[in-house]
């Protein structure tokens, strides 16, 4: 009985640990940029050209090392790694075209005229 209780608590602990490690709800990754010492190291996804151009300029000017990722889970969120300064994070958010991803569908079912 005593051993079975210990085994039960260990299984519950492992299940909780696995939930926190692998159960994070991430949205659909739209794109991801990896910068290293101000240079674009690697990227994936469809990146708006204007944002890519301006982000590369900012990264080069500030010698940025970090990751910029856009995810869509309901609305679009921009995730920037923690080692990027708050000032640079705000500048990247300012140049990101949120309005491009938040277009609402227009209902054409009621035509006028």
N, C-alpha and C. Protein backbone atom coordinates (compact mmCIF):
# COMPACT_ATOMS: atom_id res chain seq x y z
N UNK A 1 0.83 -1.20 0.00
CA UNK A 1 0.00 0.00 0.00
C UNK A 1 0.87 1.26 0.00
N UNK A 2 1.88 1.28 0.86
CA UNK A 2 2.76 2.45 0.97
C UNK A 2 3.54 2.68 -0.32
N UNK A 3 4.02 1.62 -0.94
CA UNK A 3 4.76 1.73 -2.19
C UNK A 3 3.86 2.19 -3.34
N UNK A 4 2.63 1.70 -3.33
CA UNK A 4 1.72 2.09 -4.41
C UNK A 4 1.36 3.57 -4.32
N UNK A 5 1.23 4.13 -3.12
CA UNK A 5 0.97 5.56 -2.96
C UNK A 5 2.15 6.39 -3.46
N UNK A 6 3.36 5.96 -3.12
CA UNK A 6 4.55 6.67 -3.60
C UNK A 6 4.61 6.65 -5.13
N UNK A 7 4.31 5.49 -5.70
CA UNK A 7 4.32 5.35 -7.15
C UNK A 7 3.23 6.22 -7.79
N UNK A 8 2.07 6.30 -7.17
CA UNK A 8 0.98 7.14 -7.67
C UNK A 8 1.37 8.61 -7.66
N UNK A 9 1.96 9.08 -6.56
CA UNK A 9 2.38 10.49 -6.47
C UNK A 9 3.50 10.81 -7.44
N UNK A 10 4.38 9.85 -7.68
CA UNK A 10 5.45 10.08 -8.66
C UNK A 10 4.87 10.19 -10.07
N UNK A 11 3.89 9.35 -10.38
CA UNK A 11 3.25 9.42 -11.70
C UNK A 11 2.51 10.74 -11.88
N UNK A 12 1.82 11.19 -10.85
CA UNK A 12 1.12 12.48 -10.92
C UNK A 12 2.12 13.61 -11.12
N UNK A 13 3.24 13.57 -10.39
CA UNK A 13 4.28 14.59 -10.54
C UNK A 13 4.86 14.62 -11.94
N UNK A 14 5.12 13.47 -12.50
CA UNK A 14 5.66 13.39 -13.86
C UNK A 14 4.64 13.91 -14.86
N UNK A 15 3.36 13.57 -14.66
CA UNK A 15 2.31 14.05 -15.57
C UNK A 15 2.19 15.57 -15.52
N UNK A 16 2.26 16.16 -14.34
CA UNK A 16 2.19 17.62 -14.20
C UNK A 16 3.41 18.26 -14.85
N UNK A 17 4.57 17.70 -14.64
CA UNK A 17 5.80 18.22 -15.25
C UNK A 17 5.72 18.17 -16.77
N UNK A 18 5.24 17.08 -17.32
CA UNK A 18 5.12 16.97 -18.78
C UNK A 18 4.08 17.94 -19.33
N UNK A 19 3.01 18.18 -18.57
CA UNK A 19 2.00 19.14 -19.01
C UNK A 19 2.61 20.52 -19.15
N UNK A 20 3.40 20.95 -18.17
CA UNK A 20 4.00 22.28 -18.23
C UNK A 20 5.10 22.37 -19.28
N UNK A 21 5.79 21.28 -19.54
CA UNK A 21 6.86 21.31 -20.53
C UNK A 21 6.31 21.28 -21.95
N UNK A 22 5.32 20.45 -22.21
CA UNK A 22 4.86 20.23 -23.58
C UNK A 22 3.46 20.74 -23.85
N UNK A 23 2.77 21.23 -22.85
CA UNK A 23 1.39 21.62 -23.02
C UNK A 23 1.17 23.09 -23.32
N UNK A 24 2.22 23.82 -23.62
CA UNK A 24 2.03 25.25 -23.90
C UNK A 24 1.26 25.41 -25.21
N UNK A 25 0.29 26.29 -25.19
CA UNK A 25 -0.52 26.52 -26.38
C UNK A 25 0.13 27.61 -27.21
N UNK A 26 0.73 27.21 -28.30
CA UNK A 26 1.30 28.16 -29.23
C UNK A 26 0.43 28.20 -30.46
N UNK A 27 0.36 29.37 -31.02
CA UNK A 27 -0.44 29.53 -32.22
C UNK A 27 0.33 29.12 -33.46
N UNK A 28 -0.26 29.39 -34.58
CA UNK A 28 0.34 29.12 -35.87
C UNK A 28 1.47 30.12 -36.10
N UNK A 29 2.67 29.65 -36.33
CA UNK A 29 3.81 30.54 -36.56
C UNK A 29 3.74 31.06 -37.98
N UNK A 30 3.64 32.38 -38.12
CA UNK A 30 3.58 33.01 -39.43
C UNK A 30 4.99 33.14 -40.00
N UNK A 31 5.89 33.68 -39.19
CA UNK A 31 7.29 33.76 -39.59
C UNK A 31 8.18 33.82 -38.37
N UNK A 32 9.47 33.59 -38.62
CA UNK A 32 10.46 33.63 -37.56
C UNK A 32 11.77 34.16 -38.12
N UNK A 33 12.36 35.13 -37.44
CA UNK A 33 13.64 35.71 -37.85
C UNK A 33 14.66 35.50 -36.73
N UNK A 34 15.85 35.07 -37.08
CA UNK A 34 16.92 34.89 -36.11
C UNK A 34 18.06 35.83 -36.48
N UNK A 35 18.39 36.75 -35.57
CA UNK A 35 19.48 37.69 -35.79
C UNK A 35 20.65 37.33 -34.90
N UNK A 36 21.86 37.53 -35.44
CA UNK A 36 23.07 37.29 -34.66
C UNK A 36 24.05 38.40 -34.97
N UNK A 37 24.37 39.20 -33.96
CA UNK A 37 25.29 40.33 -34.09
C UNK A 37 24.88 41.28 -35.21
N UNK A 38 23.59 41.55 -35.30
CA UNK A 38 23.10 42.51 -36.28
C UNK A 38 22.85 41.97 -37.67
N UNK A 39 23.11 40.70 -37.89
CA UNK A 39 22.90 40.10 -39.21
C UNK A 39 21.79 39.06 -39.13
N UNK A 40 21.01 38.96 -40.19
CA UNK A 40 19.96 37.95 -40.27
C UNK A 40 20.61 36.60 -40.46
N UNK A 41 20.53 35.75 -39.44
CA UNK A 41 21.18 34.45 -39.46
C UNK A 41 20.34 33.43 -40.22
N UNK A 42 19.05 33.34 -39.87
CA UNK A 42 18.15 32.44 -40.60
C UNK A 42 16.72 32.94 -40.42
N UNK A 43 15.86 32.49 -41.32
CA UNK A 43 14.46 32.91 -41.29
C UNK A 43 13.59 31.83 -41.88
N UNK A 44 12.30 31.87 -41.52
CA UNK A 44 11.34 30.96 -42.14
C UNK A 44 9.97 31.61 -42.12
N UNK A 45 9.14 31.22 -43.06
CA UNK A 45 7.79 31.75 -43.15
C UNK A 45 7.70 32.89 -44.14
N UNK A 46 6.49 33.43 -44.26
CA UNK A 46 6.24 34.53 -45.19
C UNK A 46 6.33 35.85 -44.42
N UNK A 47 7.38 36.63 -44.72
CA UNK A 47 7.68 37.86 -44.01
C UNK A 47 7.33 39.04 -44.90
N UNK A 48 6.55 40.01 -44.37
CA UNK A 48 6.28 41.21 -45.17
C UNK A 48 7.58 41.92 -45.53
N UNK A 49 7.74 42.27 -46.80
CA UNK A 49 9.01 42.81 -47.30
C UNK A 49 9.44 44.08 -46.57
N UNK A 50 8.50 44.99 -46.36
CA UNK A 50 8.83 46.25 -45.71
C UNK A 50 9.29 46.01 -44.27
N UNK A 51 8.61 45.11 -43.56
CA UNK A 51 9.01 44.80 -42.19
C UNK A 51 10.39 44.16 -42.17
N UNK A 52 10.66 43.23 -43.08
CA UNK A 52 11.96 42.57 -43.14
C UNK A 52 13.07 43.58 -43.39
N UNK A 53 12.84 44.48 -44.33
CA UNK A 53 13.85 45.49 -44.66
C UNK A 53 14.14 46.39 -43.45
N UNK A 54 13.09 46.88 -42.80
CA UNK A 54 13.28 47.80 -41.68
C UNK A 54 13.83 47.08 -40.44
N UNK A 55 13.42 45.82 -40.23
CA UNK A 55 13.94 45.05 -39.09
C UNK A 55 15.43 44.77 -39.27
N UNK A 56 15.84 44.48 -40.50
CA UNK A 56 17.27 44.25 -40.76
C UNK A 56 18.08 45.52 -40.51
N UNK A 57 17.52 46.67 -40.89
CA UNK A 57 18.23 47.93 -40.64
C UNK A 57 18.37 48.18 -39.14
N UNK A 58 17.29 47.98 -38.39
CA UNK A 58 17.35 48.17 -36.94
C UNK A 58 18.34 47.21 -36.29
N UNK A 59 18.29 45.95 -36.71
CA UNK A 59 19.18 44.94 -36.13
C UNK A 59 20.64 45.27 -36.43
N UNK A 60 20.90 45.73 -37.63
CA UNK A 60 22.27 46.08 -38.00
C UNK A 60 22.76 47.28 -37.20
N UNK A 61 21.91 48.27 -37.03
CA UNK A 61 22.28 49.48 -36.31
C UNK A 61 22.54 49.20 -34.83
N UNK A 62 21.74 48.31 -34.22
CA UNK A 62 21.85 48.03 -32.79
C UNK A 62 22.63 46.76 -32.48
N UNK A 63 23.19 46.10 -33.51
CA UNK A 63 23.92 44.83 -33.33
C UNK A 63 23.09 43.83 -32.53
N UNK A 64 21.86 43.65 -32.98
CA UNK A 64 20.89 42.81 -32.27
C UNK A 64 21.19 41.33 -32.40
N UNK A 65 21.04 40.62 -31.29
CA UNK A 65 21.09 39.17 -31.28
C UNK A 65 19.82 38.69 -30.61
N UNK A 66 19.01 37.93 -31.34
CA UNK A 66 17.75 37.46 -30.78
C UNK A 66 16.82 36.96 -31.86
N UNK A 67 15.59 36.66 -31.44
CA UNK A 67 14.58 36.09 -32.33
C UNK A 67 13.33 36.96 -32.34
N UNK A 68 12.75 37.12 -33.54
CA UNK A 68 11.48 37.81 -33.71
C UNK A 68 10.54 36.79 -34.36
N UNK A 69 9.38 36.56 -33.71
CA UNK A 69 8.45 35.55 -34.21
C UNK A 69 7.04 36.13 -34.18
N UNK A 70 6.29 35.90 -35.25
CA UNK A 70 4.89 36.30 -35.31
C UNK A 70 4.03 35.05 -35.28
N UNK A 71 3.06 35.03 -34.35
CA UNK A 71 2.16 33.89 -34.21
C UNK A 71 0.73 34.36 -34.34
N UNK A 72 -0.10 33.49 -34.90
CA UNK A 72 -1.52 33.80 -35.03
C UNK A 72 -2.30 32.77 -34.23
N UNK A 73 -2.93 33.23 -33.18
CA UNK A 73 -3.86 32.41 -32.40
C UNK A 73 -5.02 33.34 -32.05
N UNK A 74 -5.95 33.46 -32.96
CA UNK A 74 -7.00 34.47 -32.83
C UNK A 74 -6.51 35.74 -33.48
N UNK A 75 -5.69 36.49 -32.76
CA UNK A 75 -5.07 37.69 -33.32
C UNK A 75 -3.57 37.42 -33.50
N UNK A 76 -2.90 38.29 -34.20
CA UNK A 76 -1.47 38.12 -34.44
C UNK A 76 -0.70 38.73 -33.29
N UNK A 77 0.28 37.98 -32.78
CA UNK A 77 1.13 38.46 -31.70
C UNK A 77 2.57 38.42 -32.17
N UNK A 78 3.32 39.41 -31.77
CA UNK A 78 4.74 39.49 -32.11
C UNK A 78 5.54 39.14 -30.86
N UNK A 79 6.34 38.07 -30.94
CA UNK A 79 7.17 37.64 -29.82
C UNK A 79 8.62 37.98 -30.14
N UNK A 80 9.26 38.69 -29.23
CA UNK A 80 10.66 39.08 -29.40
C UNK A 80 11.42 38.55 -28.21
N UNK A 81 12.57 37.92 -28.45
CA UNK A 81 13.31 37.28 -27.37
C UNK A 81 13.69 38.27 -26.28
N UNK A 82 13.86 37.75 -25.08
CA UNK A 82 14.06 38.58 -23.89
C UNK A 82 15.40 39.31 -23.87
N UNK A 83 16.37 38.84 -24.61
CA UNK A 83 17.68 39.50 -24.58
C UNK A 83 17.73 40.74 -25.46
N UNK A 84 16.64 41.08 -26.13
CA UNK A 84 16.55 42.29 -26.94
C UNK A 84 16.08 43.42 -26.02
N UNK A 85 16.69 44.58 -26.12
CA UNK A 85 16.35 45.69 -25.23
C UNK A 85 14.91 46.14 -25.43
N UNK A 86 14.35 46.76 -24.38
CA UNK A 86 12.97 47.22 -24.44
C UNK A 86 12.78 48.28 -25.51
N UNK A 87 13.77 49.14 -25.68
CA UNK A 87 13.69 50.20 -26.69
C UNK A 87 13.62 49.59 -28.10
N UNK A 88 14.46 48.62 -28.36
CA UNK A 88 14.48 47.97 -29.67
C UNK A 88 13.21 47.14 -29.88
N UNK A 89 12.73 46.52 -28.83
CA UNK A 89 11.47 45.76 -28.91
C UNK A 89 10.33 46.67 -29.33
N UNK A 90 10.26 47.85 -28.72
CA UNK A 90 9.20 48.79 -29.07
C UNK A 90 9.34 49.28 -30.50
N UNK A 91 10.56 49.52 -30.95
CA UNK A 91 10.77 49.95 -32.34
C UNK A 91 10.32 48.87 -33.31
N UNK A 92 10.60 47.60 -33.00
CA UNK A 92 10.16 46.51 -33.87
C UNK A 92 8.64 46.40 -33.89
N UNK A 93 8.01 46.58 -32.75
CA UNK A 93 6.54 46.55 -32.70
C UNK A 93 5.93 47.70 -33.49
N UNK A 94 6.59 48.85 -33.46
CA UNK A 94 6.09 50.02 -34.19
C UNK A 94 6.12 49.82 -35.70
N UNK A 95 7.10 49.08 -36.20
CA UNK A 95 7.20 48.90 -37.65
C UNK A 95 6.45 47.67 -38.14
N UNK A 96 5.97 46.82 -37.23
CA UNK A 96 5.26 45.61 -37.64
C UNK A 96 3.87 45.95 -38.16
N UNK A 97 3.48 45.43 -39.33
CA UNK A 97 2.17 45.76 -39.92
C UNK A 97 1.04 44.91 -39.35
N UNK A 98 0.63 45.19 -38.11
CA UNK A 98 -0.46 44.44 -37.49
C UNK A 98 -1.74 44.52 -38.32
N UNK A 99 -1.99 45.70 -38.90
CA UNK A 99 -3.23 45.90 -39.66
C UNK A 99 -3.30 44.99 -40.88
N UNK A 100 -2.18 44.53 -41.37
CA UNK A 100 -2.16 43.63 -42.52
C UNK A 100 -2.78 42.28 -42.18
N UNK A 101 -2.64 41.86 -40.92
CA UNK A 101 -3.14 40.56 -40.50
C UNK A 101 -4.52 40.64 -39.84
N UNK A 102 -4.99 41.84 -39.55
CA UNK A 102 -6.26 41.98 -38.86
C UNK A 102 -7.38 42.41 -39.78
N UNK A 103 -7.29 42.10 -41.06
CA UNK A 103 -8.34 42.44 -42.00
C UNK A 103 -9.58 41.60 -41.69
N UNK A 104 -10.69 42.25 -41.59
CA UNK A 104 -11.94 41.56 -41.33
C UNK A 104 -12.60 41.22 -42.67
N UNK A 105 -13.25 40.09 -42.72
CA UNK A 105 -13.93 39.72 -43.96
C UNK A 105 -15.19 40.57 -44.11
N UNK A 106 -15.45 40.99 -45.32
CA UNK A 106 -16.60 41.85 -45.61
C UNK A 106 -17.76 40.96 -46.03
N UNK A 107 -18.94 41.24 -45.48
CA UNK A 107 -20.14 40.48 -45.81
C UNK A 107 -20.78 41.08 -47.05
N UNK A 108 -20.74 40.35 -48.16
CA UNK A 108 -21.32 40.81 -49.41
C UNK A 108 -22.70 40.22 -49.67
N UNK A 109 -23.30 39.63 -48.66
CA UNK A 109 -24.58 38.96 -48.87
C UNK A 109 -25.72 39.93 -49.09
N UNK A 110 -25.58 41.16 -48.57
CA UNK A 110 -26.64 42.14 -48.75
C UNK A 110 -26.16 43.22 -49.70
N UNK A 111 -26.39 43.02 -50.95
CA UNK A 111 -26.02 44.00 -51.97
C UNK A 111 -27.03 45.12 -52.00
N UNK A 112 -26.54 46.34 -52.12
CA UNK A 112 -27.45 47.49 -52.19
C UNK A 112 -27.77 47.79 -53.63
N UNK A 113 -28.94 48.33 -53.89
CA UNK A 113 -29.26 48.79 -55.23
C UNK A 113 -30.20 47.94 -55.88
